[in-house]
Protein backbone atom coordinates (compact mmCIF):
# COMPACT_ATOMS: atom_id res chain seq x y z
CA MET A 1 38.29 6.97 -13.12
CA ASN A 2 37.88 3.49 -11.60
CA ALA A 3 39.43 4.73 -8.36
CA ILE A 4 36.93 7.59 -8.20
CA LYS A 5 34.04 5.19 -8.80
CA ALA A 6 35.35 2.84 -6.09
CA MET A 7 35.61 5.74 -3.63
CA ALA A 8 32.08 6.84 -4.49
CA ALA A 9 30.80 3.29 -3.96
CA ARG A 10 32.56 3.08 -0.59
CA GLY A 11 31.10 6.45 0.37
CA ALA A 12 27.60 5.32 -0.55
CA ALA A 13 28.02 2.10 1.44
CA LEU A 14 29.28 4.04 4.46
CA GLY A 15 26.34 6.41 4.09
CA GLN A 16 23.98 3.44 4.37
CA LEU A 17 25.68 2.23 7.53
CA VAL A 18 25.96 5.72 9.05
CA PRO A 19 23.08 7.75 7.50
CA VAL A 20 24.26 11.03 9.07
CA LEU A 21 27.10 11.03 6.52
CA ASP A 22 24.47 11.00 3.78
CA TRP A 23 21.97 13.64 4.85
CA GLY A 24 24.66 15.64 6.67
CA ARG A 25 26.33 16.55 3.36
CA ARG A 26 23.16 18.33 2.24
CA TYR A 27 22.41 20.04 5.54
CA ASP A 28 21.76 23.77 5.13
CA GLN A 29 20.51 26.82 6.98
CA GLY A 30 16.87 26.13 6.15
CA ALA A 31 17.02 22.62 7.58
CA PHE A 32 18.85 23.93 10.66
CA SER A 33 16.12 26.51 11.39
CA ALA A 34 13.34 23.95 10.92
CA ASP A 35 15.07 21.35 13.09
CA LEU A 36 15.82 23.85 15.84
CA LEU A 37 12.19 25.00 16.04
CA ALA A 38 10.95 21.41 16.13
CA ALA A 39 13.50 20.57 18.84
CA VAL A 40 12.32 23.42 21.07
CA ILE A 41 8.70 22.23 20.86
CA VAL A 42 9.56 18.56 21.41
CA THR A 43 11.88 19.43 24.33
CA ILE A 44 9.08 21.29 26.11
CA MET A 45 6.82 18.26 25.62
CA LEU A 46 9.47 15.67 26.46
CA ILE A 47 10.62 17.02 29.84
CA PRO A 48 7.43 16.17 31.79
CA GLN A 49 6.95 12.98 29.75
CA SER A 50 10.45 11.74 30.50
CA LEU A 51 10.02 12.30 34.21
CA ALA A 52 6.61 10.63 34.19
CA TYR A 53 7.66 7.55 32.22
CA ALA A 54 10.65 6.97 34.51
CA LEU A 55 8.28 6.87 37.48
CA LEU A 56 6.03 4.49 35.52
CA ALA A 57 9.04 2.19 35.10
CA GLY A 58 9.62 2.35 38.87
CA LEU A 59 12.83 4.34 38.42
CA PRO A 60 14.06 7.71 39.72
CA ALA A 61 12.68 10.61 37.69
CA GLU A 62 16.10 11.74 36.46
CA MET A 63 16.58 8.45 34.57
CA GLY A 64 13.83 9.57 32.23
CA LEU A 65 15.87 12.67 31.41
CA TYR A 66 19.06 10.63 30.99
CA ALA A 67 17.25 8.29 28.59
CA SER A 68 16.32 11.31 26.48
CA ILE A 69 19.84 12.66 25.82
CA LEU A 70 22.49 10.32 24.40
CA PRO A 71 19.93 7.91 22.85
CA LEU A 72 18.62 10.77 20.70
CA VAL A 73 22.14 11.59 19.54
CA ALA A 74 22.83 7.94 18.71
CA TYR A 75 19.64 7.70 16.66
CA ALA A 76 20.48 10.92 14.83
CA ILE A 77 23.73 9.26 13.70
CA PHE A 78 22.45 5.79 12.81
CA GLY A 79 18.69 6.15 12.19
CA THR A 80 16.99 6.69 8.84
CA SER A 81 13.77 8.48 9.84
CA ARG A 82 13.75 12.25 9.49
CA ALA A 83 11.01 12.71 12.10
CA LEU A 84 11.18 9.82 14.58
CA ALA A 85 11.72 11.05 18.15
CA VAL A 86 13.39 8.42 20.33
CA GLY A 87 13.11 8.23 24.10
CA PRO A 88 11.13 6.65 26.95
CA VAL A 89 7.63 5.54 25.94
CA ALA A 90 4.69 4.29 27.98
CA VAL A 91 4.50 0.66 26.83
CA VAL A 92 8.25 0.02 27.08
CA SER A 93 8.33 1.72 30.49
CA LEU A 94 5.56 -0.59 31.69
CA MET A 95 7.40 -3.62 30.28
CA THR A 96 10.57 -2.46 32.04
CA ALA A 97 8.70 -2.22 35.34
CA ALA A 98 7.30 -5.73 34.83
CA ALA A 99 10.64 -7.24 33.78
CA VAL A 100 12.72 -5.76 36.58
CA GLY A 101 9.97 -5.88 39.18
CA ASN A 102 9.64 -9.65 38.75
CA LEU A 103 13.24 -10.13 39.88
CA ASP A 104 12.55 -9.27 43.55
CA LEU A 105 15.74 -7.25 43.90
CA PRO A 106 16.81 -6.23 47.40
CA SER A 107 17.52 -2.52 46.84
CA GLN A 108 16.76 0.44 44.59
CA ALA A 109 20.38 0.44 43.41
CA ASP A 110 19.99 -3.16 42.20
CA TYR A 111 16.73 -2.21 40.49
CA ILE A 112 18.43 0.66 38.66
CA ALA A 113 21.35 -1.57 37.64
CA ALA A 114 18.91 -4.15 36.27
CA ALA A 115 17.07 -1.49 34.21
CA ILE A 116 20.38 -0.28 32.78
CA THR A 117 21.34 -3.87 31.96
CA LEU A 118 17.95 -4.40 30.33
CA ALA A 119 18.62 -1.40 28.05
CA PHE A 120 22.04 -2.81 27.14
CA LEU A 121 20.61 -6.25 26.35
CA SER A 122 17.82 -4.72 24.25
CA GLY A 123 20.42 -2.70 22.37
CA LEU A 124 22.54 -5.78 21.67
CA ILE A 125 19.52 -7.74 20.44
CA LEU A 126 18.47 -4.92 18.13
CA LEU A 127 22.00 -4.52 16.78
CA VAL A 128 22.31 -8.24 16.07
CA MET A 129 18.93 -8.22 14.35
CA GLY A 130 20.03 -5.26 12.25
CA VAL A 131 23.41 -6.69 11.28
CA PHE A 132 21.86 -10.02 10.26
CA ARG A 133 18.83 -8.35 8.65
CA LEU A 134 16.32 -10.00 10.95
CA GLY A 135 13.76 -7.22 10.92
CA PHE A 136 11.28 -9.64 9.38
CA LEU A 137 10.92 -11.29 12.81
CA ALA A 138 8.72 -8.39 13.83
CA ASN A 139 6.21 -9.60 11.23
CA PHE A 140 5.33 -12.46 13.55
CA LEU A 141 3.30 -9.92 15.50
CA SER A 142 0.20 -9.23 13.44
CA HIS A 143 -1.28 -5.73 13.46
CA PRO A 144 -4.53 -6.78 15.21
CA VAL A 145 -2.56 -8.49 17.97
CA ILE A 146 -0.30 -5.43 18.39
CA ALA A 147 -3.38 -3.19 18.53
CA GLY A 148 -4.92 -5.42 21.20
CA PHE A 149 -1.71 -5.49 23.23
CA ILE A 150 -1.31 -1.69 23.12
CA THR A 151 -4.96 -1.17 24.08
CA ALA A 152 -4.60 -3.49 27.07
CA SER A 153 -1.27 -1.91 28.02
CA GLY A 154 -2.87 1.54 27.92
CA LEU A 155 -5.55 0.40 30.36
CA LEU A 156 -2.94 -1.20 32.63
CA ILE A 157 -0.77 1.92 32.60
CA ALA A 158 -3.67 4.24 33.34
CA THR A 159 -4.85 2.00 36.18
CA SER A 160 -1.34 1.76 37.63
CA GLN A 161 -1.21 5.56 37.91
CA LEU A 162 -4.41 5.88 39.90
CA LYS A 163 -2.39 5.26 43.08
CA HIS A 164 -0.54 8.55 42.49
CA ILE A 165 -3.81 10.38 41.74
CA LEU A 166 -5.27 9.08 45.01
CA GLY A 167 -2.05 9.38 47.00
CA ILE A 168 -2.08 5.75 48.18
CA GLU A 169 0.09 2.64 47.89
CA ALA A 170 -0.92 0.03 45.33
CA HIS A 171 1.00 -2.66 43.47
CA GLY A 172 0.48 -5.33 40.84
CA HIS A 173 1.26 -6.19 37.22
CA SER A 174 -2.25 -7.23 36.20
CA LEU A 175 -5.57 -5.39 36.19
CA ILE A 176 -6.97 -7.73 38.84
CA ASP A 177 -4.00 -7.21 41.18
CA LEU A 178 -4.03 -3.45 40.65
CA PHE A 179 -7.75 -3.08 41.31
CA GLY A 180 -7.52 -5.32 44.37
CA SER A 181 -4.66 -3.26 45.76
CA LEU A 182 -6.40 0.05 45.01
CA ILE A 183 -9.60 -1.06 46.70
CA ALA A 184 -7.69 -2.33 49.73
CA HIS A 185 -6.04 1.08 50.25
CA ILE A 186 -8.83 3.37 49.01
CA GLY A 187 -9.58 4.49 52.56
CA GLN A 188 -6.12 6.09 52.76
CA THR A 189 -6.83 8.51 49.91
CA ASN A 190 -5.22 11.95 50.36
CA LEU A 191 -7.90 14.47 49.36
CA ILE A 192 -5.42 17.22 48.44
CA THR A 193 -3.53 14.82 46.19
CA LEU A 194 -6.82 13.71 44.61
CA VAL A 195 -7.78 17.33 43.89
CA ILE A 196 -4.39 18.04 42.27
CA GLY A 197 -4.46 14.81 40.24
CA ALA A 198 -8.07 15.17 39.09
CA ALA A 199 -7.59 18.83 38.19
CA SER A 200 -4.43 17.99 36.24
CA VAL A 201 -6.20 15.23 34.32
CA ALA A 202 -9.13 17.51 33.49
CA PHE A 203 -6.81 20.34 32.44
CA LEU A 204 -4.65 18.11 30.24
CA PHE A 205 -7.70 16.63 28.51
CA TRP A 206 -8.95 20.16 27.86
CA VAL A 207 -5.51 21.18 26.55
CA ARG A 208 -5.69 18.38 23.96
CA LYS A 209 -9.01 19.49 22.52
CA GLY A 210 -9.86 22.97 23.71
CA LEU A 211 -6.72 25.06 24.25
CA LYS A 212 -5.82 25.60 20.62
CA PRO A 213 -9.32 26.81 19.60
CA PHE A 214 -9.39 29.01 22.71
CA LEU A 215 -6.06 30.62 21.84
CA MET A 216 -7.12 31.15 18.24
CA SER A 217 -10.32 32.84 19.45
CA LEU A 218 -8.07 35.32 21.25
CA GLY A 219 -6.46 36.22 17.93
CA LEU A 220 -3.35 34.01 17.94
CA GLY A 221 -2.23 32.46 14.66
CA ASN A 222 -2.71 28.78 13.95
CA GLN A 223 0.98 27.81 14.30
CA LEU A 224 1.57 29.78 17.51
CA ALA A 225 -1.65 28.45 19.08
CA ASP A 226 -0.66 24.91 18.13
CA SER A 227 2.81 25.31 19.68
CA LEU A 228 1.40 26.74 22.91
CA ALA A 229 -1.17 23.94 23.11
CA LYS A 230 1.60 21.34 22.91
CA ALA A 231 3.27 23.08 25.86
CA GLY A 232 0.14 22.51 27.96
CA PRO A 233 1.70 19.76 30.13
CA VAL A 234 4.49 22.16 31.08
CA ALA A 235 1.86 24.65 32.28
CA ALA A 236 0.37 21.93 34.50
CA VAL A 237 3.83 21.13 35.87
CA VAL A 238 4.61 24.79 36.62
CA ALA A 239 1.21 25.55 38.20
CA THR A 240 1.05 22.50 40.47
CA THR A 241 4.71 22.89 41.48
CA LEU A 242 4.07 26.49 42.56
CA VAL A 243 0.94 25.46 44.47
CA SER A 244 2.82 22.61 46.15
CA TRP A 245 5.67 24.94 47.12
CA GLY A 246 3.49 27.87 48.18
CA PHE A 247 1.16 25.86 50.43
CA ASP A 248 3.79 23.37 51.64
CA LEU A 249 1.67 20.45 50.45
CA GLN A 250 4.43 17.96 51.24
CA SER A 251 3.69 18.45 54.93
CA LYS A 252 0.04 17.61 54.20
CA GLY A 253 0.92 14.22 52.76
CA VAL A 254 1.20 15.11 49.06
CA ALA A 255 3.91 13.00 47.40
CA ILE A 256 6.42 15.11 45.48
CA VAL A 257 9.28 14.29 43.14
CA GLY A 258 11.89 15.53 45.63
CA ASP A 259 15.59 15.80 44.86
CA VAL A 260 16.45 15.30 41.20
CA PRO A 261 20.24 15.20 40.72
CA GLN A 262 21.54 18.18 38.80
CA GLY A 263 24.21 17.86 36.15
CA LEU A 264 25.40 15.72 33.27
CA PRO A 265 24.15 12.14 32.87
CA PRO A 266 26.47 9.72 34.69
CA LEU A 267 28.70 7.30 32.87
CA THR A 268 27.25 3.88 33.69
CA MET A 269 27.93 0.28 32.74
CA PRO A 270 25.54 -2.66 32.66
CA SER A 271 25.94 -5.55 35.01
CA PHE A 272 27.62 -8.59 33.48
CA ASP A 273 26.21 -11.02 36.03
CA ALA A 274 25.26 -14.18 34.10
CA ASP A 275 22.21 -14.91 36.27
CA LEU A 276 20.84 -11.41 35.75
CA TRP A 277 21.35 -11.67 31.97
CA THR A 278 19.55 -15.00 31.94
CA SER A 279 16.64 -13.55 33.92
CA LEU A 280 16.33 -10.48 31.67
CA LEU A 281 17.02 -12.02 28.25
CA GLY A 282 13.43 -13.01 27.46
CA SER A 283 12.09 -9.62 28.56
CA ALA A 284 14.79 -7.83 26.56
CA LEU A 285 13.79 -9.76 23.43
CA LEU A 286 10.12 -8.86 23.87
CA ILE A 287 10.93 -5.20 24.58
CA SER A 288 13.17 -5.10 21.50
CA ILE A 289 10.51 -6.52 19.19
CA ILE A 290 7.64 -4.44 20.60
CA GLY A 291 9.78 -1.29 20.56
CA PHE A 292 10.88 -1.95 16.99
CA VAL A 293 7.32 -2.60 15.78
CA GLU A 294 6.04 0.58 17.43
CA SER A 295 8.97 2.61 16.14
CA ILE A 296 8.99 1.36 12.55
CA SER A 297 5.21 1.80 12.28
CA VAL A 298 5.48 5.46 13.27
CA ALA A 299 8.57 6.08 11.13
CA GLN A 300 7.05 4.57 7.98
CA THR A 301 3.76 6.41 8.44
CA LEU A 302 5.47 9.78 8.76
CA ALA A 303 7.99 9.06 5.98
CA ALA A 304 5.19 8.19 3.55
CA LYS A 305 3.73 11.68 3.96
CA LYS A 306 6.91 13.21 2.54
CA ARG A 307 7.82 10.35 0.19
CA GLN A 308 10.89 9.54 2.22
CA ARG A 309 12.41 6.09 2.63
CA ILE A 310 12.85 4.10 5.82
CA VAL A 311 15.34 1.20 5.91
CA PRO A 312 13.97 -1.27 8.52
CA ASP A 313 17.23 -3.14 9.08
CA GLN A 314 19.11 0.15 9.56
CA GLU A 315 16.37 1.24 11.96
CA LEU A 316 17.26 -1.80 14.06
CA VAL A 317 20.85 -0.55 14.17
CA GLY A 318 19.70 2.96 15.09
CA LEU A 319 17.45 1.75 17.90
CA GLY A 320 20.14 -0.68 19.09
CA ALA A 321 22.68 2.13 19.29
CA SER A 322 20.13 4.27 21.14
CA ASN A 323 19.53 1.61 23.79
CA ILE A 324 23.23 0.98 24.29
CA ALA A 325 23.70 4.75 24.63
CA ALA A 326 20.92 4.75 27.25
CA ALA A 327 22.71 1.98 29.18
CA MET A 328 25.97 3.94 29.09
CA SER A 329 24.37 7.14 30.39
CA GLY A 330 22.13 6.07 33.26
CA GLY A 331 18.99 5.46 31.20
CA TYR A 332 16.65 2.56 30.53
CA PRO A 333 15.12 1.00 27.35
CA VAL A 334 13.93 3.48 24.72
CA THR A 335 12.23 3.44 21.33
CA GLY A 336 10.50 5.79 18.92
CA GLY A 337 7.42 7.38 20.47
CA PHE A 338 4.21 8.03 18.52
CA ALA A 339 3.05 11.27 20.14
CA ARG A 340 6.39 13.08 20.22
CA SER A 341 7.28 11.88 16.69
CA VAL A 342 4.03 13.34 15.35
CA VAL A 343 4.77 16.59 17.18
CA ASN A 344 8.30 16.57 15.75
CA PHE A 345 6.91 16.01 12.26
CA ASP A 346 4.18 18.64 12.56
CA ALA A 347 6.71 21.14 13.96
CA GLY A 348 8.64 20.85 10.69
CA ALA A 349 11.63 18.64 11.53
CA GLU A 350 13.64 18.13 8.34
CA THR A 351 16.41 15.76 9.49
CA PRO A 352 17.38 13.55 12.46
CA ALA A 353 19.41 16.53 13.69
CA ALA A 354 16.17 17.70 15.33
CA GLY A 355 16.62 14.80 17.76
CA ALA A 356 20.17 15.85 18.53
CA PHE A 357 18.99 19.41 19.22
CA THR A 358 16.25 18.00 21.47
CA ALA A 359 18.96 16.09 23.36
CA ILE A 360 20.78 19.38 23.95
CA GLY A 361 17.57 20.90 25.32
CA ILE A 362 17.02 17.97 27.70
CA LEU A 363 20.69 18.17 28.74
CA LEU A 364 20.29 21.84 29.64
CA ALA A 365 17.18 20.97 31.64
CA ALA A 366 19.08 18.24 33.51
CA MET A 367 21.92 20.66 34.26
CA PHE A 368 19.96 23.75 35.31
CA LEU A 369 16.24 23.10 35.85
CA THR A 370 16.05 20.02 38.03
CA PRO A 371 16.14 21.95 41.37
CA LEU A 372 12.88 23.60 40.25
CA LEU A 373 11.20 20.17 40.12
CA TYR A 374 11.63 19.43 43.82
CA PHE A 375 8.04 20.33 44.77
CA LEU A 376 6.44 18.83 41.64
CA PRO A 377 3.56 16.55 42.79
CA LYS A 378 3.77 13.00 41.53
CA ALA A 379 0.04 13.24 40.88
CA THR A 380 0.76 15.72 38.07
CA LEU A 381 3.15 13.29 36.39
CA ALA A 382 0.59 10.51 36.80
CA ALA A 383 -2.01 12.72 35.13
CA THR A 384 0.42 13.31 32.24
CA ILE A 385 0.77 9.55 31.76
CA ILE A 386 -2.96 8.83 32.02
CA VAL A 387 -3.89 11.42 29.41
CA ALA A 388 -1.11 10.25 27.09
CA VAL A 389 -1.87 6.51 27.26
CA LEU A 390 -5.65 6.70 27.08
CA GLY A 391 -5.12 7.87 23.52
CA LEU A 392 -3.64 4.41 22.86
CA VAL A 393 -6.80 2.62 23.97
CA ASP A 394 -8.83 1.68 20.91
CA PHE A 395 -11.61 -0.87 21.27
CA HIS A 396 -12.66 -0.22 17.68
CA ILE A 397 -10.22 -2.98 16.69
CA LEU A 398 -12.56 -5.51 18.34
CA LYS A 399 -15.52 -4.36 16.24
CA ALA A 400 -13.41 -4.20 13.07
CA THR A 401 -11.98 -7.71 13.48
CA TRP A 402 -15.36 -9.15 14.48
CA ARG A 403 -16.89 -7.91 11.24
CA TYR A 404 -13.92 -8.79 9.03
CA HIS A 405 -12.39 -12.02 10.38
CA ARG A 406 -13.45 -13.94 13.49
CA ALA A 407 -10.05 -15.61 13.89
CA ASP A 408 -8.36 -12.17 14.13
CA PHE A 409 -11.06 -11.12 16.61
CA THR A 410 -10.28 -14.14 18.77
CA ALA A 411 -6.57 -13.30 18.73
CA VAL A 412 -7.16 -9.64 19.64
CA LEU A 413 -9.60 -10.47 22.43
CA ALA A 414 -7.29 -13.15 23.84
CA THR A 415 -4.32 -10.75 23.77
CA ILE A 416 -6.30 -8.05 25.58
CA LEU A 417 -7.64 -10.41 28.23
CA LEU A 418 -4.30 -12.15 28.83
CA THR A 419 -2.45 -8.83 29.09
CA LEU A 420 -5.00 -7.41 31.52
CA GLY A 421 -5.26 -10.63 33.50
CA PHE A 422 -1.64 -11.76 33.67
CA GLY A 423 0.55 -8.77 32.76
CA VAL A 424 2.34 -7.42 29.72
CA GLU A 425 4.96 -10.14 29.29
CA ILE A 426 2.44 -12.98 29.16
CA GLY A 427 0.17 -10.82 27.01
CA VAL A 428 2.79 -10.03 24.37
CA SER A 429 4.16 -13.59 24.44
CA ALA A 430 0.66 -14.86 23.85
CA GLY A 431 0.33 -12.33 21.04
CA VAL A 432 3.40 -13.72 19.29
CA VAL A 433 2.17 -17.30 19.66
CA LEU A 434 -1.34 -16.38 18.53
CA SER A 435 0.02 -14.55 15.47
CA ILE A 436 1.98 -17.64 14.42
CA VAL A 437 -0.88 -20.02 15.20
CA LEU A 438 -3.31 -17.84 13.22
CA TYR A 439 -0.97 -17.84 10.23
CA LEU A 440 -0.55 -21.61 10.38
CA TYR A 441 -4.29 -22.09 10.77
CA LYS A 442 -5.15 -19.88 7.81
CA THR A 443 -2.53 -21.36 5.51
CA SER A 444 -3.12 -24.96 6.61
CA ARG A 445 -6.65 -24.80 5.20
CA PRO A 446 -6.12 -22.82 2.01
CA HIS A 447 -8.86 -21.64 -0.29
CA ILE A 448 -9.19 -23.99 -3.27
CA ALA A 449 -11.47 -22.96 -6.13
CA GLU A 450 -12.75 -25.08 -8.99
CA VAL A 451 -12.57 -22.80 -12.00
CA GLY A 452 -13.99 -22.65 -15.49
CA LEU A 453 -13.59 -20.54 -18.62
CA VAL A 454 -15.43 -17.21 -18.82
CA PRO A 455 -17.22 -17.27 -22.23
CA GLY A 456 -15.54 -15.18 -24.91
CA THR A 457 -12.32 -14.76 -22.91
CA GLN A 458 -9.24 -16.67 -21.84
CA HIS A 459 -9.93 -15.97 -18.16
CA PHE A 460 -10.88 -18.56 -15.54
CA ARG A 461 -13.09 -17.92 -12.53
CA ASN A 462 -14.70 -19.82 -9.64
CA ILE A 463 -17.60 -21.97 -10.88
CA ASP A 464 -19.59 -21.11 -7.74
CA ARG A 465 -19.36 -17.36 -8.37
CA HIS A 466 -19.51 -16.97 -12.13
CA ASN A 467 -21.26 -18.39 -15.19
CA VAL A 468 -18.36 -20.29 -16.76
CA MET A 469 -17.73 -23.17 -19.18
CA THR A 470 -16.33 -26.51 -17.98
CA HIS A 471 -15.71 -29.96 -19.44
CA PRO A 472 -17.06 -33.18 -17.87
CA GLU A 473 -13.73 -35.01 -18.28
CA LEU A 474 -11.59 -32.15 -16.89
CA VAL A 475 -11.48 -30.48 -13.50
CA THR A 476 -9.29 -27.44 -12.83
CA LEU A 477 -8.50 -26.49 -9.24
CA ARG A 478 -6.88 -23.14 -8.41
CA LEU A 479 -4.69 -23.30 -5.31
CA ASP A 480 -4.72 -19.94 -3.52
CA GLU A 481 -1.82 -20.57 -1.16
CA ASN A 482 1.78 -21.75 -1.12
CA LEU A 483 2.14 -25.50 -0.77
CA TYR A 484 4.03 -26.53 2.36
CA PHE A 485 4.09 -29.10 5.10
CA ALA A 486 1.18 -27.61 7.07
CA ASN A 487 -1.35 -27.76 4.23
CA ALA A 488 -0.06 -30.65 2.11
CA ARG A 489 -2.35 -33.23 3.72
CA TYR A 490 -5.40 -30.94 3.51
CA ILE A 491 -4.81 -30.34 -0.21
CA GLU A 492 -4.33 -34.06 -0.86
CA ASP A 493 -7.56 -34.97 0.95
CA TYR A 494 -9.48 -32.24 -0.87
CA LEU A 495 -8.24 -33.32 -4.31
CA LEU A 496 -8.89 -37.01 -3.72
CA ALA A 497 -12.41 -36.25 -2.50
CA ARG A 498 -13.08 -34.07 -5.57
CA THR A 499 -11.67 -36.58 -8.05
CA GLY A 500 -13.55 -39.49 -6.53
CA ARG A 501 -16.49 -38.73 -8.79
CA GLY A 502 -16.77 -40.78 -12.00
CA GLY A 503 -16.07 -39.63 -15.56
CA LEU A 504 -12.91 -37.65 -14.93
CA LYS A 505 -9.83 -38.11 -17.09
CA HIS A 506 -7.73 -35.04 -16.29
CA VAL A 507 -6.97 -32.87 -13.26
CA VAL A 508 -5.15 -29.56 -13.64
CA LEU A 509 -3.73 -27.65 -10.69
CA MET A 510 -3.73 -23.95 -11.53
CA CYS A 511 -0.68 -22.58 -9.67
CA SER A 512 -0.93 -18.84 -10.42
CA ALA A 513 -1.07 -18.04 -6.67
CA VAL A 514 1.63 -20.52 -5.63
CA ASN A 515 5.00 -18.95 -4.83
CA GLU A 516 6.56 -21.90 -3.01
CA ILE A 517 6.36 -25.69 -2.93
CA ASP A 518 8.38 -27.25 -0.13
CA LEU A 519 9.67 -30.82 -0.06
CA SER A 520 6.77 -32.14 2.00
CA ALA A 521 4.26 -30.71 -0.46
CA LEU A 522 6.29 -32.07 -3.40
CA GLU A 523 6.19 -35.56 -1.93
CA THR A 524 2.43 -35.17 -1.47
CA LEU A 525 2.05 -34.18 -5.14
CA GLU A 526 4.07 -37.25 -6.18
CA GLU A 527 1.83 -39.52 -4.11
CA LEU A 528 -1.27 -37.77 -5.42
CA ASP A 529 -0.09 -38.22 -9.00
CA ARG A 530 0.48 -41.95 -8.36
CA GLN A 531 -2.99 -42.42 -6.88
CA LEU A 532 -4.67 -40.53 -9.72
CA SER A 533 -2.71 -42.51 -12.32
CA ASP A 534 -3.90 -45.74 -10.74
CA SER A 535 -7.45 -44.47 -11.29
CA GLY A 536 -6.76 -43.56 -14.92
CA ILE A 537 -6.57 -39.81 -14.28
CA THR A 538 -3.69 -37.59 -15.34
CA LEU A 539 -2.36 -34.76 -13.18
CA SER A 540 -1.14 -31.58 -14.88
CA LEU A 541 0.02 -28.15 -13.71
CA SER A 542 -0.58 -24.73 -15.24
CA GLU A 543 0.73 -21.19 -14.78
CA VAL A 544 3.67 -22.35 -12.63
CA LYS A 545 5.85 -19.40 -11.66
CA GLY A 546 9.49 -19.29 -12.74
CA PRO A 547 11.14 -19.76 -9.30
CA VAL A 548 8.79 -22.66 -8.50
CA MET A 549 9.49 -24.25 -11.89
CA ASP A 550 13.24 -23.88 -11.34
CA ARG A 551 12.99 -25.96 -8.18
CA LEU A 552 10.76 -28.59 -9.75
CA GLN A 553 13.29 -29.01 -12.56
CA ARG A 554 15.98 -29.88 -10.02
CA THR A 555 13.99 -33.03 -9.14
CA ASP A 556 12.64 -35.95 -11.17
CA PHE A 557 9.03 -34.96 -10.39
CA LEU A 558 8.40 -33.61 -13.90
CA ASP A 559 9.90 -36.73 -15.48
CA HIS A 560 7.33 -38.95 -13.78
CA LEU A 561 4.36 -36.53 -13.91
CA SER A 562 1.45 -38.30 -15.61
CA GLY A 563 0.28 -35.08 -17.26
CA ASP A 564 2.09 -31.98 -18.45
CA VAL A 565 2.97 -28.43 -17.38
CA TYR A 566 1.10 -25.74 -19.34
CA LEU A 567 2.07 -22.10 -19.70
CA THR A 568 -1.52 -20.95 -19.23
CA GLN A 569 -4.73 -22.53 -18.01
CA TYR A 570 -6.35 -21.69 -21.34
CA ALA A 571 -3.69 -23.78 -23.12
CA ALA A 572 -4.36 -26.65 -20.71
CA MET A 573 -8.08 -26.54 -21.40
CA ARG A 574 -7.64 -26.44 -25.15
CA ALA A 575 -5.32 -29.46 -24.99
CA LEU A 576 -7.25 -31.59 -22.50
CA GLY A 577 -10.89 -30.63 -22.71
CA PRO A 578 -11.79 -28.37 -25.62
CA VAL A 579 -15.07 -26.59 -25.23
CA ASN A 580 -17.21 -25.82 -28.28
């Protein structure tokens, strides 16, 4: 019996490390049918997206397809989300272009090798974070800062694609550089390319909002109309490719995709050049954190709708394995994408096997369909990117943070402006720093409330907000923050200023909101107790939580405390300042 239990425990542990062993045991015909249907829809959507995002990253189009095959299989094995669709995404593609573009590499082959190495480094970082359970590091990026960064990135990405819509050369990693370059070359605009690009943008925007209602007005069912609407980008690809081929638009100056290698993804290895690793390490860390935040946000949102569970640390392992798989198969950094994950979810995906089936679909496209893409105008792919990323732009966050918290507004605005003005790497780095600075600022000046007893109850509330009972010889201060080195001095100054008034005999610190007291704060409390004692005032604590009390009992602080520690604030008031 014990042996059976031990085997079951080992099986459960292995299932946590390799989730496919868990859900795979329950896989049935119903799940297979649902996953296969979802995979067909996502594959149709992912083919043009993969090509487009590779071009956004400054890489050959086929690398987008390669990054959408083995990484999906790796995530299906190690990931925990039933609906997350992994692959190239806009923001990570832009960050890849910025990271590798800054290296000034001499040839396209070196550029490709650096992108592959960047994927490998990102995968290693994610794996290490997963193994050591460091997913909490992503919390250093606050949601408002992330929203500001993604909004700015969406604008940068859309602007960077205008060169393909206009058929001109333009370069730059910031909005200022991009606009300057576009204006400098605007006179070289190819009118045929502009017509194709503008028409594609207009069509794709209409597809998003108008195609499904139009199809339903023709009598199609809701599900079929929805599926056909999601295939809209493929229609744009087919139509513009046929026009480009039929009218020989390449000879008229229209940039086309050209030769896309046909066949299986190549077996590739990252470069192990120490200088290259050093140059890419910071970018790989940023890409890993941003990719993880984007991915886990989508995964948890979709999982909550079906009451499923996401394991963040295992997600790090899944994304790490996906990026290493991308590096081994000619791809570049990947993560979970919002749009395709929502499509995967809405299409009825039941398990991560839907991703593996999608990988098979992309593999078939890479093996048999790439010759058909030769005449595909790059303007069409640019239109696909523009329409996709403009959905990421949300200036509502500025209004929301302005109304709710000015410090958050400042952080969001600064992140947007720095990203637009200096590029994505400086923007996201500033976002991380601003998130930490904001946290330190907020917690270094904690809210402290003087409280009194609500008549007829044992509850205590802020004397400035409620009609409460107090005692002239007793002051009770509720500390609404953990006590640590950054706020210890502020709390000491506040308490000494409050107790400087005459007539006081007792001070009680109500610690119901305090979950931690570090050594710096403890030393401050000891000094505060000494100063109050010299003035004839006792210092007491109330409602101290168990873990905090355990730590205090390991020191001699309680032995020298001039007052006492009370279980409740009501008990402290009855003992020190009874109210009639």
